[in-house]
Amino acid sequence: MHQAAGLVPNVEVCDILLHQTHMNFIYKIYIMQTMKTLRIQPNTSFIQKMEEDVAYAKKMIVKKVNVQDCLAAAI
């Protein structure tokens, strides 16, 4: 994220990048690892976005499992 340009992001830049990841958790993890390496503390917005995305992902997983269970029961 920062090596190519030689710039060091701040928490606001990381927050914006996080909002652009949508449901790409590989990229979210990369952003969080970079923040840890650079000792960037997450702000409230960053934490809220992560919590919302994790909750949404869990909801979609449960929904998919429920649909698969219904399909299996129908067979």
PDB file of N, CA and C in Angstrom:
ATOM      1  N   MET A   1       0.823  -1.192   0.000  1.00  0.00           N
ATOM      2  CA  MET A   1       0.000   0.000   0.000  1.00  0.00           C
ATOM      3  C   MET A   1       0.862   1.248   0.000  1.00  0.00           C
ATOM      4  N   HIS A   2       1.953   1.268   0.729  1.00  0.00           N
ATOM      5  CA  HIS A   2       2.729   2.493   0.864  1.00  0.00           C
ATOM      6  C   HIS A   2       4.109   2.419   0.238  1.00  0.00           C
ATOM      7  N   GLN A   3       4.616   1.227  -0.062  1.00  0.00           N
ATOM      8  CA  GLN A   3       5.979   1.096  -0.549  1.00  0.00           C
ATOM      9  C   GLN A   3       6.160   1.714  -1.941  1.00  0.00           C
ATOM     10  N   ALA A   4       5.218   1.513  -2.821  1.00  0.00           N
ATOM     11  CA  ALA A   4       5.383   1.939  -4.209  1.00  0.00           C
ATOM     12  C   ALA A   4       5.546   3.453  -4.333  1.00  0.00           C
ATOM     13  N   ALA A   5       4.783   4.215  -3.587  1.00  0.00           N
ATOM     14  CA  ALA A   5       4.827   5.668  -3.714  1.00  0.00           C
ATOM     15  C   ALA A   5       5.788   6.305  -2.721  1.00  0.00           C
ATOM     16  N   GLY A   6       6.257   5.537  -1.753  1.00  0.00           N
ATOM     17  CA  GLY A   6       7.138   6.103  -0.752  1.00  0.00           C
ATOM     18  C   GLY A   6       6.408   6.990   0.237  1.00  0.00           C
ATOM     19  N   LEU A   7       5.099   6.840   0.332  1.00  0.00           N
ATOM     20  CA  LEU A   7       4.288   7.637   1.251  1.00  0.00           C
ATOM     21  C   LEU A   7       3.800   6.766   2.393  1.00  0.00           C
ATOM     22  N   VAL A   8       3.551   7.378   3.537  1.00  0.00           N
ATOM     23  CA  VAL A   8       3.015   6.666   4.688  1.00  0.00           C
ATOM     24  C   VAL A   8       1.578   7.136   4.901  1.00  0.00           C
ATOM     25  N   PRO A   9       0.608   6.218   4.840  1.00  0.00           N
ATOM     26  CA  PRO A   9      -0.789   6.623   5.015  1.00  0.00           C
ATOM     27  C   PRO A   9      -1.090   6.951   6.475  1.00  0.00           C
ATOM     28  N   ASN A  10      -2.124   7.734   6.678  1.00  0.00           N
ATOM     29  CA  ASN A  10      -2.598   7.995   8.035  1.00  0.00           C
ATOM     30  C   ASN A  10      -3.915   7.243   8.224  1.00  0.00           C
ATOM     31  N   VAL A  11      -4.517   7.364   9.392  1.00  0.00           N
ATOM     32  CA  VAL A  11      -5.729   6.605   9.685  1.00  0.00           C
ATOM     33  C   VAL A  11      -6.878   6.999   8.761  1.00  0.00           C
ATOM     34  N   GLU A  12      -6.938   8.253   8.359  1.00  0.00           N
ATOM     35  CA  GLU A  12      -8.013   8.688   7.466  1.00  0.00           C
ATOM     36  C   GLU A  12      -7.891   8.019   6.094  1.00  0.00           C
ATOM     37  N   VAL A  13      -6.681   7.904   5.591  1.00  0.00           N
ATOM     38  CA  VAL A  13      -6.460   7.237   4.301  1.00  0.00           C
ATOM     39  C   VAL A  13      -6.821   5.761   4.425  1.00  0.00           C
ATOM     40  N   CYS A  14      -6.406   5.122   5.502  1.00  0.00           N
ATOM     41  CA  CYS A  14      -6.735   3.708   5.720  1.00  0.00           C
ATOM     42  C   CYS A  14      -8.243   3.520   5.831  1.00  0.00           C
ATOM     43  N   ASP A  15      -8.920   4.455   6.480  1.00  0.00           N
ATOM     44  CA  ASP A  15     -10.373   4.399   6.620  1.00  0.00           C
ATOM     45  C   ASP A  15     -11.043   4.486   5.250  1.00  0.00           C
ATOM     46  N   ILE A  16     -10.581   5.379   4.415  1.00  0.00           N
ATOM     47  CA  ILE A  16     -11.135   5.517   3.061  1.00  0.00           C
ATOM     48  C   ILE A  16     -10.893   4.243   2.247  1.00  0.00           C
ATOM     49  N   LEU A  17      -9.693   3.704   2.338  1.00  0.00           N
ATOM     50  CA  LEU A  17      -9.390   2.460   1.629  1.00  0.00           C
ATOM     51  C   LEU A  17     -10.281   1.322   2.113  1.00  0.00           C
ATOM     52  N   LEU A  18     -10.502   1.262   3.418  1.00  0.00           N
ATOM     53  CA  LEU A  18     -11.366   0.219   3.971  1.00  0.00           C
ATOM     54  C   LEU A  18     -12.776   0.317   3.398  1.00  0.00           C
ATOM     55  N   HIS A  19     -13.288   1.532   3.283  1.00  0.00           N
ATOM     56  CA  HIS A  19     -14.640   1.715   2.743  1.00  0.00           C
ATOM     57  C   HIS A  19     -14.723   1.280   1.279  1.00  0.00           C
ATOM     58  N   GLN A  20     -13.617   1.300   0.575  1.00  0.00           N
ATOM     59  CA  GLN A  20     -13.617   0.916  -0.836  1.00  0.00           C
ATOM     60  C   GLN A  20     -13.444  -0.589  -1.052  1.00  0.00           C
ATOM     61  N   THR A  21     -13.171  -1.339   0.018  1.00  0.00           N
ATOM     62  CA  THR A  21     -12.919  -2.771  -0.135  1.00  0.00           C
ATOM     63  C   THR A  21     -14.182  -3.589  -0.303  1.00  0.00           C
ATOM     64  N   HIS A  22     -15.317  -3.015   0.070  1.00  0.00           N
ATOM     65  CA  HIS A  22     -16.601  -3.718   0.040  1.00  0.00           C
ATOM     66  C   HIS A  22     -16.486  -5.015   0.839  1.00  0.00           C
ATOM     67  N   MET A  23     -16.652  -6.171   0.258  1.00  0.00           N
ATOM     68  CA  MET A  23     -16.591  -7.433   1.002  1.00  0.00           C
ATOM     69  C   MET A  23     -15.290  -8.192   0.738  1.00  0.00           C
ATOM     70  N   ASN A  24     -14.259  -7.510   0.301  1.00  0.00           N
ATOM     71  CA  ASN A  24     -12.970  -8.145   0.034  1.00  0.00           C
ATOM     72  C   ASN A  24     -12.165  -8.209   1.338  1.00  0.00           C
ATOM     73  N   PHE A  25     -12.336  -9.315   2.067  1.00  0.00           N
ATOM     74  CA  PHE A  25     -11.697  -9.420   3.369  1.00  0.00           C
ATOM     75  C   PHE A  25     -10.195  -9.646   3.273  1.00  0.00           C
ATOM     76  N   ILE A  26      -9.713 -10.134   2.166  1.00  0.00           N
ATOM     77  CA  ILE A  26      -8.261 -10.266   1.974  1.00  0.00           C
ATOM     78  C   ILE A  26      -7.625  -8.870   1.990  1.00  0.00           C
ATOM     79  N   TYR A  27      -8.252  -7.940   1.281  1.00  0.00           N
ATOM     80  CA  TYR A  27      -7.737  -6.565   1.253  1.00  0.00           C
ATOM     81  C   TYR A  27      -7.913  -5.894   2.618  1.00  0.00           C
ATOM     82  N   LYS A  28      -9.032  -6.167   3.294  1.00  0.00           N
ATOM     83  CA  LYS A  28      -9.251  -5.603   4.631  1.00  0.00           C
ATOM     84  C   LYS A  28      -8.140  -6.058   5.583  1.00  0.00           C
ATOM     85  N   ILE A  29      -7.802  -7.341   5.524  1.00  0.00           N
ATOM     86  CA  ILE A  29      -6.738  -7.873   6.374  1.00  0.00           C
ATOM     87  C   ILE A  29      -5.410  -7.216   6.029  1.00  0.00           C
ATOM     88  N   TYR A  30      -5.164  -7.024   4.737  1.00  0.00           N
ATOM     89  CA  TYR A  30      -3.926  -6.361   4.310  1.00  0.00           C
ATOM     90  C   TYR A  30      -3.845  -4.940   4.878  1.00  0.00           C
ATOM     91  N   ILE A  31      -4.956  -4.218   4.832  1.00  0.00           N
ATOM     92  CA  ILE A  31      -4.982  -2.857   5.374  1.00  0.00           C
ATOM     93  C   ILE A  31      -4.702  -2.884   6.872  1.00  0.00           C
ATOM     94  N   MET A  32      -5.345  -3.823   7.572  1.00  0.00           N
ATOM     95  CA  MET A  32      -5.133  -3.903   9.023  1.00  0.00           C
ATOM     96  C   MET A  32      -3.698  -4.305   9.359  1.00  0.00           C
ATOM     97  N   GLN A  33      -3.117  -5.215   8.587  1.00  0.00           N
ATOM     98  CA  GLN A  33      -1.718  -5.607   8.823  1.00  0.00           C
ATOM     99  C   GLN A  33      -0.779  -4.426   8.580  1.00  0.00           C
ATOM    100  N   THR A  34      -1.060  -3.671   7.533  1.00  0.00           N
ATOM    101  CA  THR A  34      -0.238  -2.492   7.240  1.00  0.00           C
ATOM    102  C   THR A  34      -0.354  -1.471   8.367  1.00  0.00           C
ATOM    103  N   MET A  35      -1.579  -1.275   8.858  1.00  0.00           N
ATOM    104  CA  MET A  35      -1.770  -0.340   9.963  1.00  0.00           C
ATOM    105  C   MET A  35      -0.997  -0.802  11.198  1.00  0.00           C
ATOM    106  N   LYS A  36      -1.009  -2.097  11.456  1.00  0.00           N
ATOM    107  CA  LYS A  36      -0.278  -2.627  12.612  1.00  0.00           C
ATOM    108  C   LYS A  36       1.222  -2.395  12.440  1.00  0.00           C
ATOM    109  N   THR A  37       1.730  -2.694  11.234  1.00  0.00           N
ATOM    110  CA  THR A  37       3.148  -2.508  10.953  1.00  0.00           C
ATOM    111  C   THR A  37       3.562  -1.044  11.128  1.00  0.00           C
ATOM    112  N   LEU A  38       2.714  -0.145  10.667  1.00  0.00           N
ATOM    113  CA  LEU A  38       3.021   1.288  10.738  1.00  0.00           C
ATOM    114  C   LEU A  38       2.564   1.929  12.052  1.00  0.00           C
ATOM    115  N   ARG A  39       2.004   1.105  12.930  1.00  0.00           N
ATOM    116  CA  ARG A  39       1.508   1.573  14.228  1.00  0.00           C
ATOM    117  C   ARG A  39       0.478   2.686  14.089  1.00  0.00           C
ATOM    118  N   ILE A  40      -0.462   2.470  13.186  1.00  0.00           N
ATOM    119  CA  ILE A  40      -1.561   3.410  12.972  1.00  0.00           C
ATOM    120  C   ILE A  40      -2.755   2.895  13.768  1.00  0.00           C
ATOM    121  N   GLN A  41      -3.245   3.700  14.685  1.00  0.00           N
ATOM    122  CA  GLN A  41      -4.396   3.315  15.500  1.00  0.00           C
ATOM    123  C   GLN A  41      -5.683   3.544  14.710  1.00  0.00           C
ATOM    124  N   PRO A  42      -6.591   2.555  14.685  1.00  0.00           N
ATOM    125  CA  PRO A  42      -7.854   2.753  13.972  1.00  0.00           C
ATOM    126  C   PRO A  42      -8.730   3.775  14.679  1.00  0.00           C
ATOM    127  N   ASN A  43      -9.506   4.507  13.899  1.00  0.00           N
ATOM    128  CA  ASN A  43     -10.446   5.452  14.494  1.00  0.00           C
ATOM    129  C   ASN A  43     -11.818   4.775  14.622  1.00  0.00           C
ATOM    130  N   THR A  44     -12.773   5.483  15.184  1.00  0.00           N
ATOM    131  CA  THR A  44     -14.107   4.931  15.412  1.00  0.00           C
ATOM    132  C   THR A  44     -14.769   4.525  14.106  1.00  0.00           C
ATOM    133  N   SER A  45     -14.633   5.326  13.092  1.00  0.00           N
ATOM    134  CA  SER A  45     -15.229   5.027  11.792  1.00  0.00           C
ATOM    135  C   SER A  45     -14.670   3.722  11.219  1.00  0.00           C
ATOM    136  N   PHE A  46     -13.379   3.533  11.331  1.00  0.00           N
ATOM    137  CA  PHE A  46     -12.726   2.321  10.828  1.00  0.00           C
ATOM    138  C   PHE A  46     -13.270   1.089  11.552  1.00  0.00           C
ATOM    139  N   ILE A  47     -13.337   1.160  12.864  1.00  0.00           N
ATOM    140  CA  ILE A  47     -13.814   0.029  13.657  1.00  0.00           C
ATOM    141  C   ILE A  47     -15.285  -0.263  13.357  1.00  0.00           C
ATOM    142  N   GLN A  48     -16.095   0.774  13.261  1.00  0.00           N
ATOM    143  CA  GLN A  48     -17.515   0.575  12.957  1.00  0.00           C
ATOM    144  C   GLN A  48     -17.698  -0.083  11.598  1.00  0.00           C
ATOM    145  N   LYS A  49     -16.941   0.356  10.604  1.00  0.00           N
ATOM    146  CA  LYS A  49     -17.045  -0.220   9.262  1.00  0.00           C
ATOM    147  C   LYS A  49     -16.655  -1.689   9.286  1.00  0.00           C
ATOM    148  N   MET A  50     -15.582  -2.025   9.992  1.00  0.00           N
ATOM    149  CA  MET A  50     -15.168  -3.426  10.089  1.00  0.00           C
ATOM    150  C   MET A  50     -16.255  -4.262  10.757  1.00  0.00           C
ATOM    151  N   GLU A  51     -16.809  -3.755  11.842  1.00  0.00           N
ATOM    152  CA  GLU A  51     -17.857  -4.486  12.555  1.00  0.00           C
ATOM    153  C   GLU A  51     -19.088  -4.682  11.669  1.00  0.00           C
ATOM    154  N   GLU A  52     -19.470  -3.653  10.924  1.00  0.00           N
ATOM    155  CA  GLU A  52     -20.620  -3.757  10.019  1.00  0.00           C
ATOM    156  C   GLU A  52     -20.362  -4.797   8.929  1.00  0.00           C
ATOM    157  N   ASP A  53     -19.180  -4.783   8.359  1.00  0.00           N
ATOM    158  CA  ASP A  53     -18.860  -5.717   7.286  1.00  0.00           C
ATOM    159  C   ASP A  53     -18.806  -7.161   7.781  1.00  0.00           C
ATOM    160  N   VAL A  54     -18.256  -7.366   8.976  1.00  0.00           N
ATOM    161  CA  VAL A  54     -18.211  -8.716   9.546  1.00  0.00           C
ATOM    162  C   VAL A  54     -19.629  -9.196   9.837  1.00  0.00           C
ATOM    163  N   ALA A  55     -20.462  -8.336  10.400  1.00  0.00           N
ATOM    164  CA  ALA A  55     -21.848  -8.712  10.696  1.00  0.00           C
ATOM    165  C   ALA A  55     -22.604  -9.047   9.406  1.00  0.00           C
ATOM    166  N   TYR A  56     -22.394  -8.257   8.371  1.00  0.00           N
ATOM    167  CA  TYR A  56     -23.050  -8.516   7.086  1.00  0.00           C
ATOM    168  C   TYR A  56     -22.576  -9.843   6.481  1.00  0.00           C
ATOM    169  N   ALA A  57     -21.285 -10.097   6.562  1.00  0.00           N
ATOM    170  CA  ALA A  57     -20.746 -11.355   6.027  1.00  0.00           C
ATOM    171  C   ALA A  57     -21.330 -12.548   6.780  1.00  0.00           C
ATOM    172  N   LYS A  58     -21.416 -12.444   8.101  1.00  0.00           N
ATOM    173  CA  LYS A  58     -22.014 -13.522   8.899  1.00  0.00           C
ATOM    174  C   LYS A  58     -23.464 -13.754   8.485  1.00  0.00           C
ATOM    175  N   LYS A  59     -24.195 -12.664   8.285  1.00  0.00           N
ATOM    176  CA  LYS A  59     -25.598 -12.757   7.884  1.00  0.00           C
ATOM    177  C   LYS A  59     -25.725 -13.470   6.537  1.00  0.00           C
ATOM    178  N   MET A  60     -24.852 -13.140   5.600  1.00  0.00           N
ATOM    179  CA  MET A  60     -24.901 -13.775   4.279  1.00  0.00           C
ATOM    180  C   MET A  60     -24.524 -15.262   4.359  1.00  0.00           C
ATOM    181  N   ILE A  61     -23.584 -15.605   5.227  1.00  0.00           N
ATOM    182  CA  ILE A  61     -23.205 -17.008   5.394  1.00  0.00           C
ATOM    183  C   ILE A  61     -24.371 -17.800   5.965  1.00  0.00           C
ATOM    184  N   VAL A  62     -25.013 -17.254   6.996  1.00  0.00           N
ATOM    185  CA  VAL A  62     -26.163 -17.935   7.603  1.00  0.00           C
ATOM    186  C   VAL A  62     -27.281 -18.089   6.576  1.00  0.00           C
ATOM    187  N   LYS A  63     -27.515 -17.057   5.803  1.00  0.00           N
ATOM    188  CA  LYS A  63     -28.561 -17.104   4.783  1.00  0.00           C
ATOM    189  C   LYS A  63     -28.260 -18.198   3.760  1.00  0.00           C
ATOM    190  N   LYS A  64     -27.022 -18.274   3.323  1.00  0.00           N
ATOM    191  CA  LYS A  64     -26.637 -19.286   2.335  1.00  0.00           C
ATOM    192  C   LYS A  64     -26.777 -20.689   2.918  1.00  0.00           C
ATOM    193  N   VAL A  65     -26.357 -20.882   4.161  1.00  0.00           N
ATOM    194  CA  VAL A  65     -26.476 -22.190   4.820  1.00  0.00           C
ATOM    195  C   VAL A  65     -27.950 -22.578   4.941  1.00  0.00           C
ATOM    196  N   ASN A  66     -28.794 -21.622   5.315  1.00  0.00           N
ATOM    197  CA  ASN A  66     -30.222 -21.902   5.443  1.00  0.00           C
ATOM    198  C   ASN A  66     -30.831 -22.302   4.106  1.00  0.00           C
ATOM    199  N   VAL A  67     -30.454 -21.651   3.039  1.00  0.00           N
ATOM    200  CA  VAL A  67     -30.955 -21.999   1.707  1.00  0.00           C
ATOM    201  C   VAL A  67     -30.490 -23.394   1.325  1.00  0.00           C
ATOM    202  N   GLN A  68     -29.232 -23.691   1.589  1.00  0.00           N
ATOM    203  CA  GLN A  68     -28.697 -25.028   1.270  1.00  0.00           C
ATOM    204  C   GLN A  68     -29.412 -26.094   2.094  1.00  0.00           C
ATOM    205  N   ASP A  69     -29.702 -25.802   3.366  1.00  0.00           N
ATOM    206  CA  ASP A  69     -30.419 -26.764   4.209  1.00  0.00           C
ATOM    207  C   ASP A  69     -31.820 -27.007   3.664  1.00  0.00           C
ATOM    208  N   CYS A  70     -32.477 -25.950   3.202  1.00  0.00           N
ATOM    209  CA  CYS A  70     -33.813 -26.095   2.633  1.00  0.00           C
ATOM    210  C   CYS A  70     -33.786 -26.926   1.363  1.00  0.00           C
ATOM    211  N   LEU A  71     -32.790 -26.679   0.540  1.00  0.00           N
ATOM    212  CA  LEU A  71     -32.647 -27.447  -0.705  1.00  0.00           C
ATOM    213  C   LEU A  71     -32.355 -28.913  -0.418  1.00  0.00           C
ATOM    214  N   ALA A  72     -31.512 -29.168   0.575  1.00  0.00           N
ATOM    215  CA  ALA A  72     -31.182 -30.544   0.942  1.00  0.00           C
ATOM    216  C   ALA A  72     -32.403 -31.264   1.502  1.00  0.00           C
ATOM    217  N   ALA A  73     -33.216 -30.562   2.265  1.00  0.00           N
ATOM    218  CA  ALA A  73     -34.416 -31.160   2.839  1.00  0.00           C
ATOM    219  C   ALA A  73     -35.449 -31.469   1.761  1.00  0.00           C
ATOM    220  N   ALA A  74     -35.446 -30.698   0.703  1.00  0.00           N
ATOM    221  CA  ALA A  74     -36.413 -30.892  -0.380  1.00  0.00           C
ATOM    222  C   ALA A  74     -36.073 -32.096  -1.247  1.00  0.00           C
ATOM    223  N   ILE A  75     -34.833 -32.524  -1.192  1.00  0.00           N
ATOM    224  CA  ILE A  75     -34.402 -33.634  -2.053  1.00  0.00           C
ATOM    225  C   ILE A  75     -34.729 -34.956  -1.436  1.00  0.00           C
TER     226      ILE A  75
END
